Amino acid sequence: MSLETPNNTPRHYRSKCKDCVEGTRFCPHCQIHLTDEAFRSKLQGWCDKCYRLSKRLRYQHDEKYRKSRQDKASKHRNDNIERYKYNDRRRSWAKQGMNPDDAQAVLESHSGYCDSCGTTDPGSQGWIPDHSHTTGKVRGVLCRSCNISIGIANDDPVKLLKMSEYLRRVS
């Protein structure tokens, strides 16, 4: 199989052969003719699947490469910690069924007090937007203790009233 390439193209970028038809390229790694969409760019020699596999294998087996990638990722996260916290928080809210924009708006308009117990101490995780687990609607902002208490009671007001009555009886 002879590879065709313009004179100014480096050898490792040659991915057209005489058997290639219009819109296809040859991946020398997997030895298959593929559509142009299977390659990241016109200059990439291997198809995207082979490229990702080579990166994954290099990461698994090359300790120096893995360490440099981890250090680079760690530095990037540390340099952009506020952005990462913001995105992690929004992703967590979306995973819990909340609309991230609604949760953010409730937190920004928050008065500094827990909507349930009135404390000014949010706890170790900061203020938490409370939401309905059935509708996903954001109801207010709670401290960590109130959020856990409501979660343990499965958002059941009757169960919370019974817990309150119990505490009054035994106190």
N, C-alpha and C. Protein backbone atom coordinates (compact mmCIF):
# COMPACT_ATOMS: atom_id res chain seq x y z
N MET A 1 0.85 -1.16 0.00
CA MET A 1 0.00 0.00 0.00
C MET A 1 0.91 1.23 0.00
N SER A 2 0.77 2.08 -0.99
CA SER A 2 1.58 3.29 -1.04
C SER A 2 0.77 4.47 -0.54
N LEU A 3 1.39 5.28 0.26
CA LEU A 3 0.70 6.44 0.83
C LEU A 3 0.94 7.65 -0.04
N GLU A 4 -0.13 8.40 -0.30
CA GLU A 4 -0.03 9.62 -1.08
C GLU A 4 -0.09 10.80 -0.14
N THR A 5 0.82 11.76 -0.32
CA THR A 5 0.84 12.93 0.53
C THR A 5 1.52 14.08 -0.20
N PRO A 6 1.09 15.30 0.07
CA PRO A 6 1.84 16.44 -0.48
C PRO A 6 3.26 16.45 0.08
N ASN A 7 4.18 17.04 -0.64
CA ASN A 7 5.58 17.03 -0.22
C ASN A 7 5.82 17.69 1.12
N ASN A 8 4.99 18.67 1.49
CA ASN A 8 5.25 19.38 2.74
C ASN A 8 4.57 18.74 3.96
N THR A 9 3.86 17.63 3.81
CA THR A 9 3.20 16.98 4.93
C THR A 9 4.16 16.00 5.59
N PRO A 10 4.32 16.09 6.92
CA PRO A 10 5.21 15.14 7.60
C PRO A 10 4.74 13.70 7.40
N ARG A 11 5.67 12.77 7.43
CA ARG A 11 5.40 11.37 7.14
C ARG A 11 4.33 10.79 8.06
N HIS A 12 4.36 11.13 9.38
CA HIS A 12 3.41 10.52 10.32
C HIS A 12 1.99 11.04 10.15
N TYR A 13 1.78 12.05 9.30
CA TYR A 13 0.43 12.55 9.04
C TYR A 13 -0.19 11.92 7.80
N ARG A 14 0.56 11.08 7.11
CA ARG A 14 0.06 10.48 5.88
C ARG A 14 -1.02 9.46 6.23
N SER A 15 -2.23 9.73 5.80
CA SER A 15 -3.28 8.78 6.11
C SER A 15 -4.18 8.51 4.91
N LYS A 16 -3.76 8.89 3.74
CA LYS A 16 -4.48 8.56 2.51
C LYS A 16 -3.64 7.55 1.74
N CYS A 17 -4.30 6.53 1.25
CA CYS A 17 -3.60 5.57 0.42
C CYS A 17 -4.31 5.50 -0.93
N LYS A 18 -3.78 4.76 -1.87
CA LYS A 18 -4.40 4.71 -3.20
C LYS A 18 -5.76 4.03 -3.18
N ASP A 19 -6.06 3.25 -2.10
CA ASP A 19 -7.35 2.58 -2.00
C ASP A 19 -8.42 3.47 -1.37
N CYS A 20 -8.03 4.64 -0.83
CA CYS A 20 -8.99 5.53 -0.17
C CYS A 20 -9.90 6.18 -1.21
N VAL A 21 -11.18 6.21 -0.89
CA VAL A 21 -12.13 6.93 -1.73
C VAL A 21 -12.38 8.28 -1.08
N GLU A 22 -13.08 9.15 -1.78
CA GLU A 22 -13.35 10.49 -1.25
C GLU A 22 -14.09 10.39 0.08
N GLY A 23 -13.61 11.14 1.08
CA GLY A 23 -14.27 11.16 2.39
C GLY A 23 -13.81 10.06 3.33
N THR A 24 -12.80 9.29 2.94
CA THR A 24 -12.27 8.26 3.83
C THR A 24 -10.77 8.46 4.02
N ARG A 25 -10.28 7.88 5.09
CA ARG A 25 -8.85 7.91 5.39
C ARG A 25 -8.44 6.55 5.94
N PHE A 26 -7.16 6.31 5.95
CA PHE A 26 -6.62 5.04 6.43
C PHE A 26 -5.95 5.25 7.78
N CYS A 27 -6.33 4.44 8.76
CA CYS A 27 -5.66 4.48 10.07
C CYS A 27 -4.57 3.41 10.07
N PRO A 28 -3.29 3.81 10.15
CA PRO A 28 -2.21 2.83 10.11
C PRO A 28 -2.14 1.97 11.37
N HIS A 29 -2.77 2.41 12.45
CA HIS A 29 -2.71 1.64 13.69
C HIS A 29 -3.67 0.45 13.65
N CYS A 30 -4.94 0.73 13.31
CA CYS A 30 -5.91 -0.37 13.27
C CYS A 30 -6.04 -0.98 11.87
N GLN A 31 -5.35 -0.40 10.89
CA GLN A 31 -5.29 -0.92 9.52
C GLN A 31 -6.68 -0.97 8.87
N ILE A 32 -7.49 0.08 9.08
CA ILE A 32 -8.85 0.12 8.54
C ILE A 32 -9.07 1.45 7.83
N HIS A 33 -9.86 1.41 6.75
CA HIS A 33 -10.30 2.63 6.09
C HIS A 33 -11.53 3.13 6.84
N LEU A 34 -11.50 4.40 7.23
CA LEU A 34 -12.59 5.00 8.01
C LEU A 34 -13.01 6.32 7.39
N THR A 35 -14.18 6.79 7.77
CA THR A 35 -14.63 8.10 7.29
C THR A 35 -13.79 9.18 7.95
N ASP A 36 -13.79 10.36 7.32
CA ASP A 36 -13.01 11.49 7.85
C ASP A 36 -13.46 11.86 9.26
N GLU A 37 -14.74 11.63 9.59
CA GLU A 37 -15.26 11.99 10.92
C GLU A 37 -14.62 11.15 12.04
N ALA A 38 -14.02 10.02 11.70
CA ALA A 38 -13.39 9.16 12.71
C ALA A 38 -12.04 9.72 13.18
N PHE A 39 -11.59 10.82 12.56
CA PHE A 39 -10.31 11.44 12.92
C PHE A 39 -10.57 12.80 13.54
N ARG A 40 -9.78 13.16 14.55
CA ARG A 40 -9.97 14.45 15.22
C ARG A 40 -9.69 15.64 14.31
N SER A 41 -8.67 15.52 13.51
CA SER A 41 -8.32 16.63 12.62
C SER A 41 -7.70 16.08 11.35
N LYS A 42 -7.44 16.97 10.41
CA LYS A 42 -6.82 16.55 9.16
C LYS A 42 -5.38 16.11 9.37
N LEU A 43 -4.77 16.60 10.43
CA LEU A 43 -3.37 16.30 10.68
C LEU A 43 -3.16 15.05 11.54
N GLN A 44 -4.22 14.57 12.18
CA GLN A 44 -4.06 13.40 13.06
C GLN A 44 -3.89 12.15 12.22
N GLY A 45 -2.86 11.37 12.50
CA GLY A 45 -2.58 10.17 11.73
C GLY A 45 -3.45 8.99 12.11
N TRP A 46 -3.71 8.80 13.38
CA TRP A 46 -4.52 7.68 13.84
C TRP A 46 -5.97 8.11 13.99
N CYS A 47 -6.89 7.15 13.88
CA CYS A 47 -8.30 7.45 14.11
C CYS A 47 -8.50 7.80 15.59
N ASP A 48 -9.61 8.41 15.89
CA ASP A 48 -9.88 8.88 17.25
C ASP A 48 -9.87 7.73 18.26
N LYS A 49 -10.42 6.60 17.88
CA LYS A 49 -10.48 5.44 18.78
C LYS A 49 -9.07 4.95 19.13
N CYS A 50 -8.22 4.83 18.14
CA CYS A 50 -6.83 4.40 18.39
C CYS A 50 -6.06 5.44 19.18
N TYR A 51 -6.31 6.71 18.88
CA TYR A 51 -5.64 7.80 19.59
C TYR A 51 -5.98 7.76 21.08
N ARG A 52 -7.29 7.61 21.40
CA ARG A 52 -7.72 7.55 22.80
C ARG A 52 -7.16 6.31 23.49
N LEU A 53 -7.12 5.19 22.78
CA LEU A 53 -6.56 3.97 23.35
C LEU A 53 -5.08 4.15 23.67
N SER A 54 -4.33 4.77 22.76
CA SER A 54 -2.89 4.97 23.01
C SER A 54 -2.67 5.89 24.21
N LYS A 55 -3.51 6.95 24.34
CA LYS A 55 -3.39 7.85 25.48
C LYS A 55 -3.70 7.12 26.78
N ARG A 56 -4.76 6.29 26.77
CA ARG A 56 -5.15 5.55 27.97
C ARG A 56 -4.05 4.55 28.38
N LEU A 57 -3.49 3.84 27.40
CA LEU A 57 -2.43 2.88 27.70
C LEU A 57 -1.18 3.58 28.22
N ARG A 58 -0.86 4.73 27.61
CA ARG A 58 0.31 5.48 28.07
C ARG A 58 0.09 5.95 29.51
N TYR A 59 -1.11 6.42 29.81
CA TYR A 59 -1.43 6.89 31.16
C TYR A 59 -1.31 5.74 32.17
N GLN A 60 -1.76 4.54 31.77
CA GLN A 60 -1.73 3.39 32.68
C GLN A 60 -0.32 2.88 32.94
N HIS A 61 0.52 2.91 31.92
CA HIS A 61 1.81 2.24 32.02
C HIS A 61 3.02 3.16 32.17
N ASP A 62 2.89 4.43 31.88
CA ASP A 62 4.02 5.36 31.96
C ASP A 62 3.86 6.24 33.21
N GLU A 63 4.57 5.88 34.26
CA GLU A 63 4.44 6.56 35.56
C GLU A 63 4.78 8.05 35.45
N LYS A 64 5.84 8.37 34.71
CA LYS A 64 6.25 9.77 34.58
C LYS A 64 5.17 10.60 33.87
N TYR A 65 4.60 10.04 32.80
CA TYR A 65 3.53 10.72 32.06
C TYR A 65 2.30 10.91 32.95
N ARG A 66 1.92 9.83 33.68
CA ARG A 66 0.76 9.90 34.56
C ARG A 66 0.94 10.97 35.63
N LYS A 67 2.13 11.00 36.23
CA LYS A 67 2.42 11.98 37.27
C LYS A 67 2.35 13.40 36.72
N SER A 68 2.89 13.61 35.53
CA SER A 68 2.86 14.96 34.95
C SER A 68 1.42 15.39 34.64
N ARG A 69 0.58 14.47 34.15
CA ARG A 69 -0.83 14.79 33.86
C ARG A 69 -1.59 15.09 35.15
N GLN A 70 -1.32 14.30 36.21
CA GLN A 70 -1.99 14.53 37.48
C GLN A 70 -1.57 15.87 38.08
N ASP A 71 -0.27 16.19 38.00
CA ASP A 71 0.22 17.46 38.51
C ASP A 71 -0.39 18.64 37.75
N LYS A 72 -0.49 18.49 36.43
CA LYS A 72 -1.07 19.55 35.61
C LYS A 72 -2.55 19.74 35.95
N ALA A 73 -3.28 18.65 36.13
CA ALA A 73 -4.70 18.74 36.47
C ALA A 73 -4.88 19.33 37.86
N SER A 74 -4.04 18.94 38.80
CA SER A 74 -4.12 19.45 40.16
C SER A 74 -3.83 20.95 40.19
N LYS A 75 -2.82 21.37 39.44
CA LYS A 75 -2.48 22.79 39.38
C LYS A 75 -3.63 23.59 38.76
N HIS A 76 -4.21 23.06 37.70
CA HIS A 76 -5.33 23.75 37.06
C HIS A 76 -6.51 23.88 38.02
N ARG A 77 -6.80 22.81 38.77
CA ARG A 77 -7.91 22.87 39.73
C ARG A 77 -7.62 23.88 40.83
N ASN A 78 -6.39 23.89 41.33
CA ASN A 78 -6.03 24.83 42.40
C ASN A 78 -6.06 26.28 41.91
N ASP A 79 -5.66 26.49 40.66
CA ASP A 79 -5.68 27.85 40.10
C ASP A 79 -7.10 28.34 39.84
N ASN A 80 -8.03 27.41 39.66
CA ASN A 80 -9.42 27.77 39.33
C ASN A 80 -10.39 27.17 40.35
N ILE A 81 -10.02 27.17 41.62
CA ILE A 81 -10.78 26.46 42.64
C ILE A 81 -12.21 26.98 42.78
N GLU A 82 -12.40 28.28 42.67
CA GLU A 82 -13.76 28.83 42.81
C GLU A 82 -14.66 28.38 41.66
N ARG A 83 -14.11 28.35 40.46
CA ARG A 83 -14.89 27.89 39.31
C ARG A 83 -15.25 26.42 39.47
N TYR A 84 -14.30 25.60 39.95
CA TYR A 84 -14.56 24.18 40.15
C TYR A 84 -15.63 23.97 41.23
N LYS A 85 -15.55 24.71 42.32
CA LYS A 85 -16.55 24.59 43.38
C LYS A 85 -17.94 24.95 42.85
N TYR A 86 -17.99 26.05 42.10
CA TYR A 86 -19.26 26.51 41.52
C TYR A 86 -19.85 25.44 40.60
N ASN A 87 -19.03 24.89 39.70
CA ASN A 87 -19.52 23.87 38.76
C ASN A 87 -19.87 22.57 39.47
N ASP A 88 -19.08 22.17 40.47
CA ASP A 88 -19.38 20.95 41.24
C ASP A 88 -20.71 21.09 41.96
N ARG A 89 -20.93 22.26 42.55
CA ARG A 89 -22.18 22.52 43.27
C ARG A 89 -23.37 22.44 42.31
N ARG A 90 -23.26 23.08 41.17
CA ARG A 90 -24.36 23.07 40.19
C ARG A 90 -24.61 21.65 39.66
N ARG A 91 -23.55 20.89 39.44
CA ARG A 91 -23.70 19.51 38.96
C ARG A 91 -24.38 18.66 40.02
N SER A 92 -24.02 18.88 41.28
CA SER A 92 -24.62 18.15 42.40
C SER A 92 -26.12 18.48 42.50
N TRP A 93 -26.47 19.75 42.36
CA TRP A 93 -27.88 20.14 42.42
C TRP A 93 -28.66 19.49 41.29
N ALA A 94 -28.10 19.49 40.09
CA ALA A 94 -28.79 18.89 38.94
C ALA A 94 -28.97 17.39 39.16
N LYS A 95 -27.96 16.74 39.75
CA LYS A 95 -28.04 15.31 40.02
C LYS A 95 -29.14 15.00 41.03
N GLN A 96 -29.39 15.94 41.95
CA GLN A 96 -30.42 15.76 42.97
C GLN A 96 -31.81 16.12 42.45
N GLY A 97 -31.92 16.56 41.20
CA GLY A 97 -33.20 16.87 40.60
C GLY A 97 -33.59 18.34 40.71
N MET A 98 -32.70 19.19 41.20
CA MET A 98 -32.99 20.62 41.31
C MET A 98 -32.59 21.34 40.03
N ASN A 99 -33.24 22.44 39.78
CA ASN A 99 -32.82 23.33 38.71
C ASN A 99 -31.66 24.16 39.27
N PRO A 100 -30.44 24.02 38.73
CA PRO A 100 -29.29 24.75 39.28
C PRO A 100 -29.47 26.27 39.32
N ASP A 101 -30.17 26.82 38.33
CA ASP A 101 -30.39 28.27 38.31
C ASP A 101 -31.29 28.71 39.46
N ASP A 102 -32.34 27.91 39.74
CA ASP A 102 -33.24 28.22 40.87
C ASP A 102 -32.49 28.14 42.20
N ALA A 103 -31.70 27.09 42.36
CA ALA A 103 -30.94 26.91 43.60
C ALA A 103 -29.96 28.06 43.81
N GLN A 104 -29.28 28.45 42.73
CA GLN A 104 -28.32 29.56 42.82
C GLN A 104 -29.03 30.85 43.18
N ALA A 105 -30.20 31.09 42.58
CA ALA A 105 -30.95 32.32 42.85
C ALA A 105 -31.41 32.36 44.31
N VAL A 106 -31.86 31.23 44.85
CA VAL A 106 -32.30 31.18 46.25
C VAL A 106 -31.13 31.45 47.18
N LEU A 107 -29.97 30.88 46.87
CA LEU A 107 -28.79 31.10 47.72
C LEU A 107 -28.34 32.56 47.67
N GLU A 108 -28.39 33.17 46.49
CA GLU A 108 -27.94 34.56 46.36
C GLU A 108 -28.86 35.54 47.08
N SER A 109 -30.16 35.21 47.15
CA SER A 109 -31.11 36.10 47.83
C SER A 109 -31.30 35.70 49.30
N HIS A 110 -30.45 34.82 49.79
CA HIS A 110 -30.56 34.29 51.15
C HIS A 110 -30.25 35.35 52.21
N SER A 111 -30.99 35.31 53.32
CA SER A 111 -30.88 36.34 54.37
C SER A 111 -29.77 36.06 55.39
N GLY A 112 -29.20 34.86 55.38
CA GLY A 112 -28.15 34.55 56.36
C GLY A 112 -28.66 33.73 57.54
N TYR A 113 -29.93 33.35 57.50
CA TYR A 113 -30.55 32.54 58.55
C TYR A 113 -31.11 31.27 57.94
N CYS A 114 -31.11 30.19 58.73
CA CYS A 114 -31.74 28.94 58.30
C CYS A 114 -33.25 29.16 58.26
N ASP A 115 -33.88 28.78 57.18
CA ASP A 115 -35.32 28.96 57.03
C ASP A 115 -36.12 28.06 57.97
N SER A 116 -35.47 27.06 58.56
CA SER A 116 -36.18 26.15 59.46
C SER A 116 -35.97 26.50 60.93
N CYS A 117 -34.70 26.60 61.36
CA CYS A 117 -34.43 26.81 62.79
C CYS A 117 -33.97 28.22 63.13
N GLY A 118 -33.59 29.01 62.15
CA GLY A 118 -33.20 30.40 62.38
C GLY A 118 -31.75 30.62 62.76
N THR A 119 -30.94 29.58 62.77
CA THR A 119 -29.53 29.73 63.14
C THR A 119 -28.76 30.53 62.07
N THR A 120 -27.66 31.14 62.50
CA THR A 120 -26.80 31.84 61.55
C THR A 120 -25.59 31.00 61.17
N ASP A 121 -25.45 29.82 61.80
CA ASP A 121 -24.32 28.91 61.52
C ASP A 121 -24.77 27.86 60.52
N PRO A 122 -24.22 27.88 59.29
CA PRO A 122 -24.69 26.94 58.27
C PRO A 122 -24.17 25.51 58.45
N GLY A 123 -23.15 25.31 59.27
CA GLY A 123 -22.56 23.98 59.40
C GLY A 123 -21.36 23.84 58.48
N SER A 124 -20.81 22.65 58.45
CA SER A 124 -19.54 22.41 57.75
C SER A 124 -19.63 22.54 56.24
N GLN A 125 -20.81 22.33 55.65
CA GLN A 125 -20.93 22.36 54.20
C GLN A 125 -21.53 23.66 53.66
N GLY A 126 -21.73 24.63 54.53
CA GLY A 126 -22.32 25.89 54.10
C GLY A 126 -23.84 25.76 53.96
N TRP A 127 -24.47 26.82 53.50
CA TRP A 127 -25.93 26.81 53.33
C TRP A 127 -26.32 25.85 52.22
N ILE A 128 -27.42 25.13 52.45
CA ILE A 128 -27.86 24.10 51.52
C ILE A 128 -29.26 24.44 51.01
N PRO A 129 -29.44 24.48 49.68
CA PRO A 129 -30.78 24.73 49.16
C PRO A 129 -31.66 23.49 49.39
N ASP A 130 -32.81 23.69 50.05
CA ASP A 130 -33.74 22.60 50.30
C ASP A 130 -34.67 22.47 49.09
N HIS A 131 -35.00 21.24 48.74
CA HIS A 131 -35.86 21.03 47.58
C HIS A 131 -36.78 19.84 47.81
N SER A 132 -37.88 19.82 47.08
CA SER A 132 -38.81 18.70 47.11
C SER A 132 -38.24 17.58 46.26
N HIS A 133 -38.21 16.39 46.83
CA HIS A 133 -37.67 15.24 46.09
C HIS A 133 -38.64 14.74 45.04
N THR A 134 -39.90 15.11 45.13
CA THR A 134 -40.87 14.68 44.13
C THR A 134 -40.93 15.65 42.95
N THR A 135 -40.93 16.96 43.22
CA THR A 135 -41.05 17.94 42.14
C THR A 135 -39.72 18.55 41.73
N GLY A 136 -38.73 18.52 42.62
CA GLY A 136 -37.44 19.15 42.34
C GLY A 136 -37.44 20.64 42.61
N LYS A 137 -38.58 21.19 43.05
CA LYS A 137 -38.70 22.63 43.30
C LYS A 137 -37.90 23.02 44.55
N VAL A 138 -37.14 24.11 44.44
CA VAL A 138 -36.35 24.60 45.55
C VAL A 138 -37.28 25.32 46.52
N ARG A 139 -37.22 24.93 47.83
CA ARG A 139 -38.15 25.47 48.82
C ARG A 139 -37.54 26.55 49.69
N GLY A 140 -36.25 26.50 49.91
CA GLY A 140 -35.61 27.47 50.79
C GLY A 140 -34.16 27.10 51.03
N VAL A 141 -33.55 27.74 52.04
CA VAL A 141 -32.15 27.50 52.38
C VAL A 141 -32.08 27.02 53.82
N LEU A 142 -31.37 25.91 54.03
CA LEU A 142 -31.28 25.30 55.36
C LEU A 142 -29.83 25.15 55.80
N CYS A 143 -29.66 25.04 57.13
CA CYS A 143 -28.36 24.65 57.66
C CYS A 143 -28.21 23.14 57.47
N ARG A 144 -27.04 22.64 57.68
CA ARG A 144 -26.79 21.21 57.46
C ARG A 144 -27.64 20.34 58.37
N SER A 145 -27.79 20.71 59.63
CA SER A 145 -28.55 19.90 60.59
C SER A 145 -30.01 19.77 60.17
N CYS A 146 -30.63 20.88 59.80
CA CYS A 146 -32.04 20.85 59.39
C CYS A 146 -32.21 20.06 58.10
N ASN A 147 -31.28 20.21 57.18
CA ASN A 147 -31.36 19.48 55.92
C ASN A 147 -31.30 17.98 56.16
N ILE A 148 -30.39 17.55 57.05
CA ILE A 148 -30.27 16.13 57.37
C ILE A 148 -31.53 15.64 58.07
N SER A 149 -32.05 16.43 59.01
CA SER A 149 -33.25 16.04 59.75
C SER A 149 -34.44 15.84 58.82
N ILE A 150 -34.64 16.78 57.92
CA ILE A 150 -35.75 16.66 56.98
C ILE A 150 -35.54 15.47 56.05
N GLY A 151 -34.31 15.25 55.65
CA GLY A 151 -34.00 14.10 54.79
C GLY A 151 -34.26 12.77 55.48
N ILE A 152 -33.89 12.67 56.75
CA ILE A 152 -34.12 11.43 57.50
C ILE A 152 -35.61 11.17 57.66
N ALA A 153 -36.41 12.23 57.79
CA ALA A 153 -37.86 12.09 57.93
C ALA A 153 -38.54 11.91 56.57
N ASN A 154 -37.77 11.80 55.51
CA ASN A 154 -38.28 11.60 54.15
C ASN A 154 -39.27 12.70 53.74
N ASP A 155 -39.01 13.93 54.14
CA ASP A 155 -39.86 15.09 53.80
C ASP A 155 -41.31 14.92 54.26
N ASP A 156 -41.50 14.12 55.31
CA ASP A 156 -42.86 13.84 55.80
C ASP A 156 -43.16 14.74 57.01
N PRO A 157 -44.07 15.74 56.85
CA PRO A 157 -44.38 16.66 57.95
C PRO A 157 -44.98 15.94 59.17
N VAL A 158 -45.76 14.90 58.93
CA VAL A 158 -46.37 14.16 60.04
C VAL A 158 -45.29 13.50 60.89
N LYS A 159 -44.31 12.91 60.22
CA LYS A 159 -43.21 12.26 60.95
C LYS A 159 -42.43 13.29 61.76
N LEU A 160 -42.20 14.47 61.19
CA LEU A 160 -41.48 15.53 61.91
C LEU A 160 -42.28 16.02 63.12
N LEU A 161 -43.60 16.13 62.97
CA LEU A 161 -44.44 16.53 64.11
C LEU A 161 -44.38 15.48 65.22
N LYS A 162 -44.43 14.21 64.85
CA LYS A 162 -44.34 13.15 65.86
C LYS A 162 -42.99 13.18 66.57
N MET A 163 -41.92 13.47 65.81
CA MET A 163 -40.60 13.58 66.42
C MET A 163 -40.57 14.76 67.41
N SER A 164 -41.20 15.87 67.03
CA SER A 164 -41.28 17.04 67.91
C SER A 164 -42.06 16.71 69.17
N GLU A 165 -43.19 16.04 69.01
CA GLU A 165 -44.01 15.65 70.18
C GLU A 165 -43.22 14.72 71.10
N TYR A 166 -42.50 13.80 70.54
CA TYR A 166 -41.67 12.89 71.34
C TYR A 166 -40.66 13.65 72.16
N LEU A 167 -39.98 14.60 71.53
CA LEU A 167 -38.96 15.38 72.25
C LEU A 167 -39.59 16.20 73.37
N ARG A 168 -40.78 16.73 73.16
CA ARG A 168 -41.48 17.49 74.21
C ARG A 168 -41.85 16.58 75.38
N ARG A 169 -42.27 15.36 75.08
CA ARG A 169 -42.67 14.40 76.13
C ARG A 169 -41.49 13.99 77.00
N VAL A 170 -40.35 13.73 76.35
CA VAL A 170 -39.21 13.18 77.11
C VAL A 170 -38.31 14.24 77.69
N SER A 171 -38.51 15.48 77.33
CA SER A 171 -37.64 16.55 77.84
C SER A 171 -38.11 17.08 79.16
